[in-house]
Amino acid sequence: MSGTKILIVDDEQRMRKLVRDYLIREGYSVLEAADGRSALDQFYNDGNISLIILDVMMPEMDGWQVCAEIRKTSKVPIIMLTAKSDERDELRGFDLG
């Protein structure tokens, strides 16, 4: 796992910390972004991110938009972190990849 880099994207600092602390304990390298634009900047500037954990509900640029933008150039695995349980939201996530 050493060298495996994960980007956590969530506007809630508490949630980022919870996920970050767990992943670091498990031996992963972690980057964080508090909004969609910062996430895209980090993703494209780093070039070596193995996984993205992405909150759906964020201000300005939501997780759906971030996912769609990343999918234009990359097939990096993305785990959508959301409290939404509507079937339409689940299908939208699958459609975006």
N, C-alpha and C. Protein backbone atom coordinates (compact mmCIF):
# COMPACT_ATOMS: atom_id res chain seq x y z
N MET A 1 0.82 -1.19 0.00
CA MET A 1 0.00 0.00 0.00
C MET A 1 0.85 1.25 0.00
N SER A 2 2.09 1.10 0.39
CA SER A 2 2.98 2.24 0.40
C SER A 2 3.04 2.85 -0.99
N GLY A 3 2.84 4.14 -1.07
CA GLY A 3 2.86 4.81 -2.34
C GLY A 3 1.49 4.93 -2.99
N THR A 4 0.50 4.20 -2.48
CA THR A 4 -0.85 4.32 -3.01
C THR A 4 -1.45 5.61 -2.49
N LYS A 5 -1.79 6.49 -3.42
CA LYS A 5 -2.25 7.83 -3.05
C LYS A 5 -3.75 7.95 -3.28
N ILE A 6 -4.46 8.42 -2.25
CA ILE A 6 -5.91 8.58 -2.30
C ILE A 6 -6.26 10.05 -2.08
N LEU A 7 -7.14 10.56 -2.93
CA LEU A 7 -7.63 11.93 -2.80
C LEU A 7 -9.02 11.91 -2.17
N ILE A 8 -9.16 12.58 -1.03
CA ILE A 8 -10.45 12.70 -0.34
C ILE A 8 -11.01 14.09 -0.64
N VAL A 9 -12.24 14.13 -1.15
CA VAL A 9 -12.86 15.40 -1.50
C VAL A 9 -14.19 15.53 -0.75
N ASP A 10 -14.23 16.46 0.18
CA ASP A 10 -15.45 16.70 0.97
C ASP A 10 -15.38 18.10 1.54
N ASP A 11 -16.48 18.83 1.50
CA ASP A 11 -16.48 20.18 2.05
C ASP A 11 -16.55 20.19 3.57
N GLU A 12 -16.84 19.05 4.17
CA GLU A 12 -16.88 18.97 5.63
C GLU A 12 -15.54 18.47 6.16
N GLN A 13 -14.84 19.34 6.87
CA GLN A 13 -13.52 19.01 7.40
C GLN A 13 -13.57 17.80 8.31
N ARG A 14 -14.62 17.68 9.10
CA ARG A 14 -14.76 16.57 10.03
C ARG A 14 -14.79 15.23 9.29
N MET A 15 -15.49 15.18 8.18
CA MET A 15 -15.58 13.95 7.39
C MET A 15 -14.24 13.63 6.74
N ARG A 16 -13.57 14.66 6.20
CA ARG A 16 -12.24 14.43 5.61
C ARG A 16 -11.29 13.87 6.65
N LYS A 17 -11.31 14.42 7.86
CA LYS A 17 -10.42 13.96 8.92
C LYS A 17 -10.71 12.51 9.29
N LEU A 18 -11.97 12.16 9.42
CA LEU A 18 -12.35 10.80 9.77
C LEU A 18 -11.82 9.79 8.74
N VAL A 19 -12.05 10.08 7.47
CA VAL A 19 -11.59 9.18 6.41
C VAL A 19 -10.07 9.19 6.32
N ARG A 20 -9.46 10.38 6.38
CA ARG A 20 -8.01 10.51 6.31
C ARG A 20 -7.32 9.72 7.41
N ASP A 21 -7.77 9.88 8.64
CA ASP A 21 -7.13 9.19 9.77
C ASP A 21 -7.17 7.68 9.59
N TYR A 22 -8.29 7.16 9.12
CA TYR A 22 -8.41 5.71 8.90
C TYR A 22 -7.44 5.26 7.80
N LEU A 23 -7.42 5.98 6.68
CA LEU A 23 -6.58 5.57 5.56
C LEU A 23 -5.10 5.66 5.90
N ILE A 24 -4.70 6.68 6.62
CA ILE A 24 -3.30 6.82 7.03
C ILE A 24 -2.91 5.67 7.95
N ARG A 25 -3.80 5.31 8.87
CA ARG A 25 -3.54 4.18 9.76
C ARG A 25 -3.34 2.88 8.97
N GLU A 26 -4.03 2.78 7.84
CA GLU A 26 -3.92 1.58 7.00
C GLU A 26 -2.74 1.65 6.03
N GLY A 27 -1.98 2.74 6.09
CA GLY A 27 -0.75 2.84 5.30
C GLY A 27 -0.85 3.56 3.97
N TYR A 28 -1.96 4.23 3.71
CA TYR A 28 -2.12 4.96 2.46
C TYR A 28 -1.60 6.38 2.58
N SER A 29 -1.19 6.94 1.47
CA SER A 29 -0.84 8.34 1.37
C SER A 29 -2.12 9.09 0.99
N VAL A 30 -2.40 10.20 1.66
CA VAL A 30 -3.69 10.88 1.49
C VAL A 30 -3.50 12.35 1.12
N LEU A 31 -4.27 12.78 0.13
CA LEU A 31 -4.41 14.18 -0.22
C LEU A 31 -5.84 14.58 0.08
N GLU A 32 -6.07 15.87 0.35
CA GLU A 32 -7.41 16.34 0.66
C GLU A 32 -7.76 17.57 -0.15
N ALA A 33 -9.05 17.68 -0.46
CA ALA A 33 -9.58 18.89 -1.09
C ALA A 33 -10.93 19.19 -0.47
N ALA A 34 -11.19 20.48 -0.23
CA ALA A 34 -12.43 20.89 0.42
C ALA A 34 -13.51 21.29 -0.58
N ASP A 35 -13.17 21.33 -1.87
CA ASP A 35 -14.16 21.68 -2.89
C ASP A 35 -13.76 21.07 -4.23
N GLY A 36 -14.69 21.12 -5.16
CA GLY A 36 -14.48 20.47 -6.45
C GLY A 36 -13.34 21.05 -7.25
N ARG A 37 -13.22 22.35 -7.29
CA ARG A 37 -12.15 22.98 -8.07
C ARG A 37 -10.77 22.60 -7.53
N SER A 38 -10.62 22.62 -6.22
CA SER A 38 -9.35 22.22 -5.61
C SER A 38 -9.05 20.75 -5.90
N ALA A 39 -10.09 19.94 -5.90
CA ALA A 39 -9.92 18.51 -6.20
C ALA A 39 -9.38 18.32 -7.61
N LEU A 40 -9.96 19.03 -8.57
CA LEU A 40 -9.48 18.91 -9.95
C LEU A 40 -8.05 19.39 -10.07
N ASP A 41 -7.72 20.51 -9.43
CA ASP A 41 -6.35 21.01 -9.45
C ASP A 41 -5.38 19.97 -8.90
N GLN A 42 -5.71 19.40 -7.75
CA GLN A 42 -4.82 18.40 -7.15
C GLN A 42 -4.71 17.16 -8.02
N PHE A 43 -5.82 16.72 -8.56
CA PHE A 43 -5.81 15.52 -9.39
C PHE A 43 -4.92 15.71 -10.62
N TYR A 44 -5.10 16.81 -11.32
CA TYR A 44 -4.33 17.02 -12.55
C TYR A 44 -2.88 17.41 -12.28
N ASN A 45 -2.61 18.08 -11.18
CA ASN A 45 -1.23 18.46 -10.85
C ASN A 45 -0.42 17.29 -10.32
N ASP A 46 -1.06 16.37 -9.62
CA ASP A 46 -0.33 15.25 -9.03
C ASP A 46 -0.03 14.17 -10.06
N GLY A 47 -1.05 13.74 -10.77
CA GLY A 47 -0.85 12.74 -11.80
C GLY A 47 -0.61 11.32 -11.32
N ASN A 48 -0.64 11.09 -10.01
CA ASN A 48 -0.34 9.76 -9.49
C ASN A 48 -1.36 9.33 -8.43
N ILE A 49 -2.60 9.72 -8.58
CA ILE A 49 -3.64 9.38 -7.61
C ILE A 49 -4.30 8.07 -8.03
N SER A 50 -4.38 7.13 -7.08
CA SER A 50 -4.90 5.79 -7.37
C SER A 50 -6.39 5.65 -7.13
N LEU A 51 -6.96 6.52 -6.29
CA LEU A 51 -8.38 6.43 -5.93
C LEU A 51 -8.86 7.80 -5.46
N ILE A 52 -10.12 8.11 -5.78
CA ILE A 52 -10.74 9.34 -5.28
C ILE A 52 -11.97 8.96 -4.47
N ILE A 53 -12.07 9.51 -3.27
CA ILE A 53 -13.27 9.38 -2.45
C ILE A 53 -13.94 10.75 -2.52
N LEU A 54 -15.12 10.80 -3.12
CA LEU A 54 -15.71 12.07 -3.55
C LEU A 54 -17.10 12.27 -2.98
N ASP A 55 -17.26 13.36 -2.23
CA ASP A 55 -18.58 13.75 -1.72
C ASP A 55 -19.43 14.27 -2.87
N VAL A 56 -20.69 13.92 -2.88
CA VAL A 56 -21.59 14.37 -3.95
C VAL A 56 -22.08 15.79 -3.69
N MET A 57 -22.48 16.08 -2.46
CA MET A 57 -23.12 17.36 -2.15
C MET A 57 -22.09 18.37 -1.63
N MET A 58 -21.59 19.20 -2.56
CA MET A 58 -20.67 20.27 -2.20
C MET A 58 -21.13 21.54 -2.89
N PRO A 59 -20.83 22.70 -2.31
CA PRO A 59 -21.22 23.96 -2.94
C PRO A 59 -20.41 24.23 -4.21
N GLU A 60 -20.92 25.08 -5.05
CA GLU A 60 -20.29 25.53 -6.29
C GLU A 60 -20.14 24.40 -7.31
N MET A 61 -19.19 23.52 -7.13
CA MET A 61 -18.97 22.41 -8.05
C MET A 61 -19.21 21.12 -7.30
N ASP A 62 -20.33 20.45 -7.59
CA ASP A 62 -20.66 19.24 -6.83
C ASP A 62 -19.87 18.02 -7.32
N GLY A 63 -20.01 16.94 -6.60
CA GLY A 63 -19.28 15.72 -6.92
C GLY A 63 -19.60 15.16 -8.29
N TRP A 64 -20.84 15.33 -8.74
CA TRP A 64 -21.21 14.85 -10.07
C TRP A 64 -20.38 15.58 -11.13
N GLN A 65 -20.25 16.89 -10.97
CA GLN A 65 -19.48 17.68 -11.94
C GLN A 65 -18.00 17.30 -11.91
N VAL A 66 -17.47 17.10 -10.71
CA VAL A 66 -16.07 16.70 -10.58
C VAL A 66 -15.85 15.35 -11.27
N CYS A 67 -16.72 14.41 -11.00
CA CYS A 67 -16.62 13.08 -11.59
C CYS A 67 -16.67 13.17 -13.12
N ALA A 68 -17.61 13.92 -13.65
CA ALA A 68 -17.74 14.05 -15.11
C ALA A 68 -16.48 14.66 -15.72
N GLU A 69 -15.92 15.65 -15.05
CA GLU A 69 -14.71 16.30 -15.55
C GLU A 69 -13.52 15.33 -15.56
N ILE A 70 -13.36 14.58 -14.48
CA ILE A 70 -12.26 13.62 -14.40
C ILE A 70 -12.43 12.51 -15.44
N ARG A 71 -13.66 12.08 -15.67
CA ARG A 71 -13.93 11.00 -16.62
C ARG A 71 -13.57 11.38 -18.06
N LYS A 72 -13.43 12.67 -18.34
CA LYS A 72 -13.02 13.10 -19.68
C LYS A 72 -11.60 12.64 -20.01
N THR A 73 -10.78 12.45 -18.95
CA THR A 73 -9.37 12.14 -19.19
C THR A 73 -8.85 10.93 -18.42
N SER A 74 -9.63 10.38 -17.50
CA SER A 74 -9.10 9.33 -16.63
C SER A 74 -10.16 8.32 -16.23
N LYS A 75 -9.72 7.12 -15.99
CA LYS A 75 -10.59 6.05 -15.48
C LYS A 75 -10.23 5.70 -14.03
N VAL A 76 -9.59 6.64 -13.32
CA VAL A 76 -9.24 6.40 -11.92
C VAL A 76 -10.50 5.98 -11.16
N PRO A 77 -10.40 4.99 -10.27
CA PRO A 77 -11.58 4.60 -9.49
C PRO A 77 -12.07 5.76 -8.61
N ILE A 78 -13.39 5.93 -8.57
CA ILE A 78 -14.00 6.97 -7.75
C ILE A 78 -15.08 6.34 -6.89
N ILE A 79 -14.98 6.55 -5.59
CA ILE A 79 -16.03 6.13 -4.65
C ILE A 79 -16.81 7.37 -4.28
N MET A 80 -18.11 7.35 -4.57
CA MET A 80 -18.97 8.49 -4.25
C MET A 80 -19.43 8.38 -2.80
N LEU A 81 -19.14 9.40 -2.03
CA LEU A 81 -19.51 9.46 -0.62
C LEU A 81 -20.74 10.36 -0.52
N THR A 82 -21.89 9.77 -0.14
CA THR A 82 -23.11 10.56 -0.17
C THR A 82 -24.14 10.05 0.83
N ALA A 83 -24.99 10.97 1.25
CA ALA A 83 -26.12 10.60 2.10
C ALA A 83 -27.36 10.39 1.25
N LYS A 84 -27.25 10.66 -0.04
CA LYS A 84 -28.39 10.49 -0.94
C LYS A 84 -28.68 9.01 -1.12
N SER A 85 -29.96 8.67 -1.11
CA SER A 85 -30.33 7.26 -1.26
C SER A 85 -31.32 7.03 -2.39
N ASP A 86 -31.60 8.08 -3.14
CA ASP A 86 -32.54 7.98 -4.24
C ASP A 86 -31.94 7.13 -5.37
N GLU A 87 -32.73 6.27 -5.94
CA GLU A 87 -32.26 5.38 -7.01
C GLU A 87 -31.70 6.17 -8.20
N ARG A 88 -32.30 7.33 -8.49
CA ARG A 88 -31.80 8.17 -9.60
C ARG A 88 -30.36 8.59 -9.35
N ASP A 89 -30.03 8.92 -8.09
CA ASP A 89 -28.67 9.32 -7.76
C ASP A 89 -27.70 8.16 -7.94
N GLU A 90 -28.11 6.97 -7.52
CA GLU A 90 -27.26 5.79 -7.70
C GLU A 90 -27.01 5.54 -9.18
N LEU A 91 -28.06 5.61 -9.99
CA LEU A 91 -27.91 5.37 -11.42
C LEU A 91 -27.05 6.45 -12.08
N ARG A 92 -27.18 7.67 -11.62
CA ARG A 92 -26.35 8.76 -12.15
C ARG A 92 -24.87 8.48 -11.89
N GLY A 93 -24.56 8.00 -10.69
CA GLY A 93 -23.19 7.64 -10.37
C GLY A 93 -22.66 6.54 -11.28
N PHE A 94 -23.47 5.54 -11.52
CA PHE A 94 -23.05 4.45 -12.42
C PHE A 94 -22.86 4.96 -13.84
N ASP A 95 -23.74 5.84 -14.29
CA ASP A 95 -23.63 6.39 -15.64
C ASP A 95 -22.34 7.19 -15.83
N LEU A 96 -21.94 7.92 -14.79
CA LEU A 96 -20.71 8.71 -14.89
C LEU A 96 -19.46 7.85 -14.82
N GLY A 97 -19.62 6.66 -14.31
CA GLY A 97 -18.47 5.74 -14.27
C GLY A 97 -17.84 5.69 -12.94
